[in-house]
């Protein structure tokens, strides 16, 4: 897929991001993990946090794509959950946390477990643990499938941008999942 015009590329990426968000949201709603209707709960603070940490995340995730494509997108959802938890508990101080503070003992490799057990306080093997782990696996598998359906040349600039949009959506879905668990919802003004 070759696109010369920047406006076309931007429109394509926006359309892809929206399609991905709709697909992932539908899975979460079917699992009763998000409100059944209305916009996803999130805050501009979390959108801004993603913009800030995305370069570090991408540096960790991109090398994982070939061998562990689901991990490369899934960890963004876990990170979204962690940052939403920070936002809920103490954003004034917590927003200064470093991206790497969410690493597990094996750095990026076990970030998921560190976030679930240390940041969110889930019990290993609990129903909540299995539910979230299963849901995020389903979401990341769907995201990778949708990326592949785009039939973009691997390792191209466009492939990078599609991957970046995918991780952004996963981050925001993760944040929305955690905010929903904490009782937040978006209301019409």
N, C-alpha and C. Protein backbone atom coordinates (compact mmCIF):
# COMPACT_ATOMS: atom_id res chain seq x y z
N UNK A 1 0.85 -1.16 0.00
CA UNK A 1 0.00 0.00 0.00
C UNK A 1 0.90 1.23 0.00
N UNK A 2 0.85 1.99 -1.07
CA UNK A 2 1.66 3.19 -1.17
C UNK A 2 0.74 4.40 -1.16
N UNK A 3 1.03 5.33 -0.26
CA UNK A 3 0.23 6.55 -0.15
C UNK A 3 1.17 7.73 -0.18
N UNK A 4 1.01 8.58 -1.15
CA UNK A 4 1.91 9.72 -1.30
C UNK A 4 1.44 10.93 -0.50
N UNK A 5 0.19 11.11 -0.42
CA UNK A 5 -0.36 12.32 0.16
C UNK A 5 -0.47 12.21 1.68
N UNK A 6 0.14 13.14 2.39
CA UNK A 6 0.10 13.12 3.86
C UNK A 6 -1.31 13.17 4.40
N UNK A 7 -2.17 13.92 3.76
CA UNK A 7 -3.56 14.02 4.21
C UNK A 7 -4.25 12.66 4.10
N UNK A 8 -3.98 11.93 3.03
CA UNK A 8 -4.56 10.59 2.87
C UNK A 8 -4.04 9.64 3.93
N UNK A 9 -2.75 9.74 4.21
CA UNK A 9 -2.16 8.87 5.23
C UNK A 9 -2.76 9.17 6.60
N UNK A 10 -2.86 10.46 6.91
CA UNK A 10 -3.44 10.85 8.21
C UNK A 10 -4.89 10.38 8.32
N UNK A 11 -5.66 10.53 7.25
CA UNK A 11 -7.06 10.08 7.26
C UNK A 11 -7.14 8.57 7.39
N UNK A 12 -6.26 7.88 6.68
CA UNK A 12 -6.22 6.42 6.78
C UNK A 12 -5.92 5.98 8.21
N UNK A 13 -4.91 6.59 8.84
CA UNK A 13 -4.53 6.21 10.20
C UNK A 13 -5.66 6.51 11.19
N UNK A 14 -6.33 7.64 11.00
CA UNK A 14 -7.44 7.99 11.89
C UNK A 14 -8.59 6.97 11.75
N UNK A 15 -8.87 6.59 10.50
CA UNK A 15 -9.92 5.61 10.25
C UNK A 15 -9.54 4.25 10.85
N UNK A 16 -8.28 3.86 10.68
CA UNK A 16 -7.81 2.59 11.25
C UNK A 16 -7.95 2.61 12.77
N UNK A 17 -7.51 3.71 13.40
CA UNK A 17 -7.58 3.82 14.86
C UNK A 17 -9.02 3.72 15.35
N UNK A 18 -9.92 4.38 14.67
CA UNK A 18 -11.33 4.34 15.06
C UNK A 18 -11.90 2.93 14.91
N UNK A 19 -11.57 2.27 13.80
CA UNK A 19 -12.05 0.91 13.56
C UNK A 19 -11.51 -0.04 14.64
N UNK A 20 -10.25 0.10 15.01
CA UNK A 20 -9.66 -0.73 16.05
C UNK A 20 -10.31 -0.47 17.40
N UNK A 21 -10.49 0.81 17.74
CA UNK A 21 -11.13 1.13 19.02
C UNK A 21 -12.54 0.55 19.10
N UNK A 22 -13.29 0.65 18.02
CA UNK A 22 -14.64 0.11 18.00
C UNK A 22 -14.63 -1.41 18.19
N UNK A 23 -13.72 -2.09 17.52
CA UNK A 23 -13.65 -3.55 17.62
C UNK A 23 -13.26 -3.98 19.03
N UNK A 24 -12.27 -3.32 19.61
CA UNK A 24 -11.81 -3.70 20.95
C UNK A 24 -12.86 -3.34 22.00
N UNK A 25 -13.51 -2.20 21.83
CA UNK A 25 -14.56 -1.80 22.75
C UNK A 25 -15.71 -2.81 22.73
N UNK A 26 -16.05 -3.30 21.55
CA UNK A 26 -17.13 -4.29 21.44
C UNK A 26 -16.79 -5.56 22.22
N UNK A 27 -15.53 -6.00 22.14
CA UNK A 27 -15.10 -7.18 22.89
C UNK A 27 -15.23 -6.93 24.39
N UNK A 28 -14.80 -5.76 24.83
CA UNK A 28 -14.87 -5.42 26.26
C UNK A 28 -16.31 -5.30 26.74
N UNK A 29 -17.17 -4.74 25.90
CA UNK A 29 -18.57 -4.62 26.29
C UNK A 29 -19.24 -5.99 26.34
N UNK A 30 -18.88 -6.85 25.41
CA UNK A 30 -19.42 -8.21 25.42
C UNK A 30 -19.01 -8.94 26.70
N UNK A 31 -17.79 -8.66 27.16
CA UNK A 31 -17.28 -9.27 28.40
C UNK A 31 -17.79 -8.54 29.64
N UNK A 32 -18.58 -7.49 29.44
CA UNK A 32 -19.14 -6.67 30.52
C UNK A 32 -18.04 -6.00 31.35
N UNK A 33 -16.95 -5.65 30.66
CA UNK A 33 -15.83 -4.99 31.33
C UNK A 33 -15.85 -3.48 31.12
N UNK A 34 -16.69 -3.01 30.21
CA UNK A 34 -16.89 -1.58 29.96
C UNK A 34 -18.39 -1.30 29.93
N UNK A 35 -18.78 -0.03 30.15
CA UNK A 35 -20.21 0.30 30.07
C UNK A 35 -20.77 -0.13 28.71
N UNK A 36 -22.02 -0.54 28.69
CA UNK A 36 -22.63 -1.09 27.48
C UNK A 36 -22.87 -0.06 26.38
N UNK A 37 -22.80 1.20 26.73
CA UNK A 37 -22.97 2.24 25.72
C UNK A 37 -22.23 3.49 26.15
N UNK A 38 -22.13 4.43 25.23
CA UNK A 38 -21.47 5.69 25.52
C UNK A 38 -19.97 5.62 25.30
N UNK A 39 -19.33 6.77 25.47
CA UNK A 39 -17.88 6.83 25.24
C UNK A 39 -17.10 6.11 26.34
N UNK A 40 -15.88 5.76 26.00
CA UNK A 40 -14.99 5.12 26.97
C UNK A 40 -14.62 6.11 28.07
N UNK A 41 -14.55 5.64 29.31
CA UNK A 41 -14.07 6.53 30.36
C UNK A 41 -12.56 6.72 30.24
N UNK A 42 -12.14 7.95 30.12
CA UNK A 42 -10.71 8.28 30.12
C UNK A 42 -10.58 9.76 30.43
N UNK A 43 -9.39 10.21 30.66
CA UNK A 43 -9.15 11.62 30.94
C UNK A 43 -8.06 12.13 30.00
N UNK A 44 -8.08 13.41 29.77
CA UNK A 44 -7.03 14.03 28.95
C UNK A 44 -5.66 13.85 29.62
N UNK A 45 -5.66 13.76 30.95
CA UNK A 45 -4.39 13.50 31.66
C UNK A 45 -3.75 12.21 31.16
N UNK A 46 -4.57 11.19 30.96
CA UNK A 46 -4.05 9.90 30.51
C UNK A 46 -3.66 9.93 29.04
N UNK A 47 -4.41 10.66 28.22
CA UNK A 47 -4.02 10.84 26.81
C UNK A 47 -2.67 11.53 26.75
N UNK A 48 -2.49 12.57 27.55
CA UNK A 48 -1.21 13.29 27.59
C UNK A 48 -0.09 12.40 28.11
N UNK A 49 -0.39 11.56 29.08
CA UNK A 49 0.63 10.65 29.63
C UNK A 49 1.08 9.68 28.54
N UNK A 50 0.14 9.17 27.74
CA UNK A 50 0.53 8.27 26.65
C UNK A 50 1.47 8.99 25.68
N UNK A 51 1.14 10.22 25.33
CA UNK A 51 2.01 10.98 24.41
C UNK A 51 3.42 11.12 24.99
N UNK A 52 3.50 11.28 26.30
CA UNK A 52 4.79 11.44 26.97
C UNK A 52 5.60 10.13 26.99
N UNK A 53 4.94 9.03 27.30
CA UNK A 53 5.67 7.77 27.48
C UNK A 53 5.73 6.90 26.22
N UNK A 54 4.96 7.24 25.21
CA UNK A 54 4.91 6.41 23.99
C UNK A 54 6.29 6.14 23.39
N UNK A 55 7.18 7.13 23.31
CA UNK A 55 8.50 6.82 22.73
C UNK A 55 9.25 5.74 23.50
N UNK A 56 9.19 5.77 24.83
CA UNK A 56 9.85 4.74 25.63
C UNK A 56 9.18 3.38 25.44
N UNK A 57 7.85 3.41 25.41
CA UNK A 57 7.13 2.16 25.20
C UNK A 57 7.49 1.57 23.84
N UNK A 58 7.49 2.41 22.83
CA UNK A 58 7.79 1.93 21.47
C UNK A 58 9.20 1.35 21.40
N UNK A 59 10.13 1.97 22.10
CA UNK A 59 11.51 1.44 22.11
C UNK A 59 11.56 0.03 22.69
N UNK A 60 10.70 -0.25 23.67
CA UNK A 60 10.62 -1.59 24.26
C UNK A 60 9.82 -2.55 23.39
N UNK A 61 8.73 -2.08 22.81
CA UNK A 61 7.77 -2.96 22.14
C UNK A 61 8.17 -3.32 20.72
N UNK A 62 8.70 -2.38 19.98
CA UNK A 62 9.01 -2.65 18.57
C UNK A 62 9.92 -3.87 18.39
N UNK A 63 10.98 -4.03 19.19
CA UNK A 63 11.82 -5.22 19.01
C UNK A 63 11.08 -6.54 19.31
N UNK A 64 9.95 -6.47 19.97
CA UNK A 64 9.17 -7.67 20.33
C UNK A 64 8.21 -8.11 19.22
N UNK A 65 7.97 -7.24 18.25
CA UNK A 65 6.91 -7.49 17.26
C UNK A 65 7.09 -8.82 16.54
N UNK A 66 8.28 -9.10 16.05
CA UNK A 66 8.48 -10.30 15.23
C UNK A 66 8.19 -11.59 16.01
N UNK A 67 8.73 -11.71 17.22
CA UNK A 67 8.56 -12.94 18.00
C UNK A 67 7.31 -12.95 18.88
N UNK A 68 6.96 -11.79 19.40
CA UNK A 68 5.84 -11.71 20.36
C UNK A 68 4.90 -10.56 19.99
N UNK A 69 4.21 -10.65 18.86
CA UNK A 69 3.38 -9.52 18.42
C UNK A 69 2.27 -9.17 19.41
N UNK A 70 1.65 -10.18 20.03
CA UNK A 70 0.58 -9.89 20.99
C UNK A 70 1.11 -9.17 22.22
N UNK A 71 2.28 -9.59 22.69
CA UNK A 71 2.90 -8.92 23.84
C UNK A 71 3.19 -7.46 23.51
N UNK A 72 3.67 -7.22 22.31
CA UNK A 72 4.06 -5.86 21.93
C UNK A 72 2.90 -4.88 21.99
N UNK A 73 1.67 -5.36 21.78
CA UNK A 73 0.52 -4.47 21.91
C UNK A 73 -0.17 -4.63 23.27
N UNK A 74 -0.16 -5.84 23.83
CA UNK A 74 -0.87 -6.10 25.08
C UNK A 74 -0.33 -5.29 26.24
N UNK A 75 0.98 -5.17 26.32
CA UNK A 75 1.56 -4.48 27.46
C UNK A 75 1.09 -3.03 27.52
N UNK A 76 0.72 -2.44 26.40
CA UNK A 76 0.20 -1.07 26.40
C UNK A 76 -1.11 -1.00 27.19
N UNK A 77 -1.94 -2.04 27.09
CA UNK A 77 -3.20 -2.06 27.85
C UNK A 77 -2.92 -2.16 29.35
N UNK A 78 -1.96 -3.02 29.71
CA UNK A 78 -1.60 -3.11 31.13
C UNK A 78 -1.07 -1.77 31.64
N UNK A 79 -0.28 -1.13 30.81
CA UNK A 79 0.27 0.17 31.19
C UNK A 79 -0.86 1.20 31.35
N UNK A 80 -1.85 1.15 30.47
CA UNK A 80 -3.01 2.04 30.61
C UNK A 80 -3.75 1.81 31.91
N UNK A 81 -3.89 0.54 32.29
CA UNK A 81 -4.53 0.22 33.58
C UNK A 81 -3.73 0.80 34.74
N UNK A 82 -2.41 0.65 34.67
CA UNK A 82 -1.55 1.14 35.76
C UNK A 82 -1.63 2.65 35.88
N UNK A 83 -1.55 3.35 34.75
CA UNK A 83 -1.61 4.81 34.81
C UNK A 83 -2.99 5.30 35.27
N UNK A 84 -4.05 4.59 34.88
CA UNK A 84 -5.38 4.97 35.35
C UNK A 84 -5.47 4.80 36.86
N UNK A 85 -4.84 3.76 37.37
CA UNK A 85 -4.80 3.54 38.81
C UNK A 85 -4.07 4.67 39.51
N UNK A 86 -2.96 5.09 38.93
CA UNK A 86 -2.19 6.22 39.48
C UNK A 86 -3.04 7.49 39.44
N UNK A 87 -3.73 7.70 38.32
CA UNK A 87 -4.58 8.89 38.18
C UNK A 87 -5.64 8.90 39.27
N UNK A 88 -6.23 7.75 39.54
CA UNK A 88 -7.28 7.65 40.55
C UNK A 88 -6.75 7.89 41.97
N UNK A 89 -5.58 7.36 42.27
CA UNK A 89 -5.10 7.39 43.65
C UNK A 89 -4.37 8.68 44.02
N UNK A 90 -3.49 9.19 43.16
CA UNK A 90 -2.74 10.39 43.52
C UNK A 90 -2.03 10.95 42.29
N UNK A 91 -2.81 11.59 41.42
CA UNK A 91 -2.26 12.08 40.17
C UNK A 91 -1.23 13.19 40.39
N UNK A 92 -1.46 14.03 41.38
CA UNK A 92 -0.55 15.16 41.61
C UNK A 92 0.89 14.68 41.77
N UNK A 93 1.10 13.64 42.52
CA UNK A 93 2.45 13.11 42.73
C UNK A 93 2.77 11.98 41.75
N UNK A 94 1.78 11.15 41.48
CA UNK A 94 2.00 9.97 40.65
C UNK A 94 2.32 10.26 39.20
N UNK A 95 1.83 11.39 38.68
CA UNK A 95 2.08 11.68 37.27
C UNK A 95 3.56 11.88 36.97
N UNK A 96 4.36 12.05 38.00
CA UNK A 96 5.80 12.24 37.84
C UNK A 96 6.56 10.91 37.78
N UNK A 97 5.85 9.81 38.00
CA UNK A 97 6.51 8.50 37.96
C UNK A 97 7.15 8.26 36.60
N UNK A 98 8.23 7.53 36.64
CA UNK A 98 8.93 7.16 35.42
C UNK A 98 8.23 5.97 34.76
N UNK A 99 8.28 5.92 33.47
CA UNK A 99 7.75 4.78 32.71
C UNK A 99 8.32 3.46 33.24
N UNK A 100 9.61 3.43 33.46
CA UNK A 100 10.27 2.19 33.87
C UNK A 100 9.90 1.75 35.29
N UNK A 101 9.20 2.58 36.03
CA UNK A 101 8.77 2.17 37.37
C UNK A 101 7.71 1.08 37.29
N UNK A 102 7.17 0.84 36.11
CA UNK A 102 6.18 -0.22 35.92
C UNK A 102 6.80 -1.52 35.44
N UNK A 103 8.12 -1.52 35.26
CA UNK A 103 8.82 -2.75 34.88
C UNK A 103 8.70 -3.77 36.00
N UNK A 104 8.74 -5.04 35.62
CA UNK A 104 8.86 -6.12 36.58
C UNK A 104 10.33 -6.43 36.79
N UNK A 105 10.65 -7.50 37.52
CA UNK A 105 12.05 -7.88 37.74
C UNK A 105 12.82 -8.16 36.45
N UNK A 106 12.10 -8.57 35.39
CA UNK A 106 12.75 -8.81 34.10
C UNK A 106 12.48 -7.65 33.13
N UNK A 107 12.35 -6.47 33.68
CA UNK A 107 12.13 -5.24 32.90
C UNK A 107 10.81 -5.32 32.13
N UNK A 108 10.83 -5.07 30.83
CA UNK A 108 9.63 -5.05 30.00
C UNK A 108 8.97 -6.43 29.93
N UNK A 109 9.77 -7.47 29.99
CA UNK A 109 9.27 -8.83 29.77
C UNK A 109 8.15 -9.25 30.73
N UNK A 110 8.20 -8.80 31.95
CA UNK A 110 7.14 -9.18 32.90
C UNK A 110 6.42 -7.96 33.48
N UNK A 111 6.35 -6.93 32.66
CA UNK A 111 5.61 -5.72 33.05
C UNK A 111 4.16 -6.06 33.38
N UNK A 112 3.57 -6.98 32.64
CA UNK A 112 2.17 -7.34 32.87
C UNK A 112 1.95 -7.85 34.29
N UNK A 113 2.78 -8.77 34.72
CA UNK A 113 2.62 -9.34 36.06
C UNK A 113 2.89 -8.30 37.14
N UNK A 114 3.90 -7.47 36.94
CA UNK A 114 4.18 -6.42 37.91
C UNK A 114 2.97 -5.50 38.06
N UNK A 115 2.39 -5.11 36.94
CA UNK A 115 1.24 -4.21 37.00
C UNK A 115 0.05 -4.90 37.67
N UNK A 116 -0.26 -6.11 37.26
CA UNK A 116 -1.42 -6.80 37.84
C UNK A 116 -1.28 -7.02 39.34
N UNK A 117 -0.12 -7.51 39.76
CA UNK A 117 0.03 -7.93 41.15
C UNK A 117 0.53 -6.83 42.07
N UNK A 118 1.47 -6.03 41.61
CA UNK A 118 2.06 -5.01 42.47
C UNK A 118 1.31 -3.67 42.38
N UNK A 119 0.95 -3.27 41.18
CA UNK A 119 0.30 -1.97 41.01
C UNK A 119 -1.21 -2.03 41.29
N UNK A 120 -1.86 -3.06 40.75
CA UNK A 120 -3.31 -3.16 40.91
C UNK A 120 -3.72 -4.00 42.10
N UNK A 121 -2.78 -4.76 42.66
CA UNK A 121 -3.05 -5.54 43.85
C UNK A 121 -3.90 -6.78 43.64
N UNK A 122 -3.93 -7.30 42.42
CA UNK A 122 -4.69 -8.53 42.18
C UNK A 122 -3.93 -9.72 42.76
N UNK A 123 -4.67 -10.70 43.19
CA UNK A 123 -4.07 -11.93 43.70
C UNK A 123 -3.77 -12.85 42.52
N UNK A 124 -2.55 -13.37 42.48
CA UNK A 124 -2.18 -14.29 41.41
C UNK A 124 -3.09 -15.52 41.46
N UNK A 125 -3.66 -15.86 40.30
CA UNK A 125 -4.55 -17.00 40.22
C UNK A 125 -6.00 -16.69 40.56
N UNK A 126 -6.28 -15.45 40.95
CA UNK A 126 -7.65 -15.08 41.31
C UNK A 126 -8.52 -14.99 40.06
N UNK A 127 -9.82 -14.95 40.28
CA UNK A 127 -10.77 -14.80 39.18
C UNK A 127 -10.52 -13.48 38.43
N UNK A 128 -10.27 -12.41 39.19
CA UNK A 128 -10.00 -11.10 38.56
C UNK A 128 -8.73 -11.16 37.70
N UNK A 129 -7.70 -11.81 38.20
CA UNK A 129 -6.45 -11.96 37.46
C UNK A 129 -6.71 -12.69 36.14
N UNK A 130 -7.38 -13.83 36.21
CA UNK A 130 -7.64 -14.62 35.01
C UNK A 130 -8.54 -13.87 34.02
N UNK A 131 -9.51 -13.14 34.55
CA UNK A 131 -10.42 -12.38 33.69
C UNK A 131 -9.66 -11.32 32.90
N UNK A 132 -8.87 -10.51 33.60
CA UNK A 132 -8.12 -9.44 32.92
C UNK A 132 -7.10 -10.02 31.96
N UNK A 133 -6.37 -11.01 32.39
CA UNK A 133 -5.36 -11.62 31.53
C UNK A 133 -6.00 -12.20 30.26
N UNK A 134 -7.10 -12.89 30.41
CA UNK A 134 -7.80 -13.47 29.27
C UNK A 134 -8.35 -12.39 28.34
N UNK A 135 -8.94 -11.36 28.92
CA UNK A 135 -9.50 -10.26 28.12
C UNK A 135 -8.40 -9.55 27.34
N UNK A 136 -7.30 -9.23 27.98
CA UNK A 136 -6.23 -8.50 27.29
C UNK A 136 -5.59 -9.39 26.22
N UNK A 137 -5.50 -10.68 26.47
CA UNK A 137 -5.00 -11.58 25.43
C UNK A 137 -5.94 -11.57 24.22
N UNK A 138 -7.23 -11.61 24.48
CA UNK A 138 -8.21 -11.56 23.40
C UNK A 138 -8.10 -10.24 22.63
N UNK A 139 -7.95 -9.14 23.36
CA UNK A 139 -7.83 -7.82 22.72
C UNK A 139 -6.55 -7.73 21.89
N UNK A 140 -5.45 -8.21 22.44
CA UNK A 140 -4.18 -8.10 21.71
C UNK A 140 -4.17 -9.00 20.49
N UNK A 141 -4.79 -10.17 20.58
CA UNK A 141 -4.89 -11.06 19.42
C UNK A 141 -5.73 -10.41 18.32
N UNK A 142 -6.82 -9.79 18.70
CA UNK A 142 -7.66 -9.09 17.73
C UNK A 142 -6.91 -7.92 17.11
N UNK A 143 -6.20 -7.16 17.93
CA UNK A 143 -5.43 -6.02 17.41
C UNK A 143 -4.40 -6.49 16.39
N UNK A 144 -3.68 -7.54 16.70
CA UNK A 144 -2.66 -8.07 15.78
C UNK A 144 -3.33 -8.57 14.49
N UNK A 145 -4.47 -9.22 14.61
CA UNK A 145 -5.20 -9.68 13.42
C UNK A 145 -5.60 -8.49 12.55
N UNK A 146 -6.11 -7.44 13.17
CA UNK A 146 -6.53 -6.27 12.40
C UNK A 146 -5.33 -5.56 11.76
N UNK A 147 -4.20 -5.54 12.45
CA UNK A 147 -2.98 -4.97 11.86
C UNK A 147 -2.62 -5.77 10.61
N UNK A 148 -2.62 -7.08 10.72
CA UNK A 148 -2.24 -7.94 9.59
C UNK A 148 -3.21 -7.79 8.43
N UNK A 149 -4.48 -7.61 8.71
CA UNK A 149 -5.47 -7.45 7.64
C UNK A 149 -5.22 -6.19 6.81
N UNK A 150 -4.51 -5.25 7.38
CA UNK A 150 -4.20 -4.02 6.63
C UNK A 150 -3.22 -4.29 5.49
N UNK A 151 -2.53 -5.42 5.53
CA UNK A 151 -1.59 -5.83 4.49
C UNK A 151 -0.58 -4.73 4.15
N UNK A 152 -0.01 -4.18 5.18
CA UNK A 152 0.99 -3.12 5.03
C UNK A 152 2.37 -3.77 4.97
N UNK A 153 3.22 -3.20 4.18
CA UNK A 153 4.58 -3.73 4.06
C UNK A 153 5.25 -3.72 5.43
N UNK A 154 5.71 -4.89 5.90
CA UNK A 154 6.37 -4.95 7.21
C UNK A 154 7.59 -4.04 7.25
N UNK A 155 7.83 -3.48 8.41
CA UNK A 155 8.98 -2.63 8.69
C UNK A 155 8.99 -1.34 7.87
N UNK A 156 7.84 -0.96 7.31
CA UNK A 156 7.73 0.30 6.59
C UNK A 156 7.34 1.41 7.58
N UNK A 157 7.45 2.62 7.13
CA UNK A 157 7.05 3.76 7.96
C UNK A 157 5.56 3.66 8.29
N UNK A 158 4.77 3.29 7.30
CA UNK A 158 3.33 3.15 7.54
C UNK A 158 3.05 2.05 8.56
N UNK A 159 3.78 0.94 8.48
CA UNK A 159 3.61 -0.15 9.45
C UNK A 159 3.90 0.35 10.87
N UNK A 160 4.94 1.15 11.01
CA UNK A 160 5.27 1.72 12.32
C UNK A 160 4.11 2.57 12.84
N UNK A 161 3.55 3.41 11.98
CA UNK A 161 2.46 4.29 12.41
C UNK A 161 1.20 3.51 12.77
N UNK A 162 0.91 2.44 12.03
CA UNK A 162 -0.24 1.60 12.37
C UNK A 162 0.00 0.93 13.72
N UNK A 163 1.21 0.44 13.94
CA UNK A 163 1.54 -0.17 15.22
C UNK A 163 1.42 0.86 16.35
N UNK A 164 1.93 2.06 16.11
CA UNK A 164 1.85 3.12 17.13
C UNK A 164 0.40 3.45 17.48
N UNK A 165 -0.44 3.55 16.47
CA UNK A 165 -1.87 3.82 16.72
C UNK A 165 -2.50 2.66 17.49
N UNK A 166 -2.10 1.46 17.17
CA UNK A 166 -2.64 0.27 17.85
C UNK A 166 -2.27 0.28 19.33
N UNK A 167 -1.03 0.61 19.65
CA UNK A 167 -0.63 0.63 21.06
C UNK A 167 -1.32 1.77 21.80
N UNK A 168 -1.54 2.89 21.12
CA UNK A 168 -2.27 3.99 21.75
C UNK A 168 -3.68 3.55 22.12
N UNK A 169 -4.36 2.89 21.18
CA UNK A 169 -5.71 2.40 21.45
C UNK A 169 -5.70 1.39 22.59
N UNK A 170 -4.74 0.49 22.58
CA UNK A 170 -4.65 -0.50 23.67
C UNK A 170 -4.42 0.19 25.02
N UNK A 171 -3.57 1.21 25.06
CA UNK A 171 -3.34 1.97 26.29
C UNK A 171 -4.65 2.57 26.79
N UNK A 172 -5.39 3.23 25.89
CA UNK A 172 -6.64 3.88 26.29
C UNK A 172 -7.71 2.87 26.68
N UNK A 173 -7.75 1.72 26.01
CA UNK A 173 -8.69 0.66 26.42
C UNK A 173 -8.32 0.16 27.82
N UNK A 174 -7.03 -0.05 28.06
CA UNK A 174 -6.58 -0.47 29.39
C UNK A 174 -6.97 0.55 30.46
N UNK A 175 -6.77 1.83 30.15
CA UNK A 175 -7.15 2.88 31.09
C UNK A 175 -8.66 2.86 31.33
N UNK A 176 -9.44 2.70 30.26
CA UNK A 176 -10.89 2.66 30.40
C UNK A 176 -11.35 1.45 31.22
N UNK A 177 -10.69 0.32 31.03
CA UNK A 177 -11.02 -0.86 31.83
C UNK A 177 -10.82 -0.59 33.32
N UNK A 178 -9.65 0.00 33.64
CA UNK A 178 -9.37 0.25 35.06
C UNK A 178 -10.30 1.32 35.63
N UNK A 179 -10.55 2.39 34.87
CA UNK A 179 -11.45 3.44 35.36
C UNK A 179 -12.86 2.88 35.57
N UNK A 180 -13.28 1.98 34.70
CA UNK A 180 -14.59 1.34 34.87
C UNK A 180 -14.60 0.50 36.15
N UNK A 181 -13.52 -0.26 36.37
CA UNK A 181 -13.43 -1.06 37.60
C UNK A 181 -13.52 -0.17 38.83
N UNK A 182 -12.98 1.04 38.73
CA UNK A 182 -12.97 1.97 39.85
C UNK A 182 -14.27 2.77 39.98
N UNK A 183 -15.21 2.51 39.05
CA UNK A 183 -16.52 3.14 39.15
C UNK A 183 -16.73 4.40 38.33
N UNK A 184 -15.78 4.75 37.47
CA UNK A 184 -15.93 5.94 36.64
C UNK A 184 -16.74 5.61 35.39
N UNK A 185 -17.45 6.63 34.90
CA UNK A 185 -18.13 6.54 33.62
C UNK A 185 -18.22 7.94 33.04
N UNK A 186 -18.41 8.00 31.74
CA UNK A 186 -18.53 9.30 31.07
C UNK A 186 -20.01 9.67 31.03
N UNK A 187 -20.31 10.90 31.39
CA UNK A 187 -21.69 11.38 31.38
C UNK A 187 -21.82 12.51 30.39
N UNK A 188 -22.98 12.60 29.73
CA UNK A 188 -23.23 13.72 28.84
C UNK A 188 -23.40 14.98 29.66
N UNK A 189 -22.80 16.07 29.19
CA UNK A 189 -22.87 17.33 29.92
C UNK A 189 -24.16 18.06 29.60
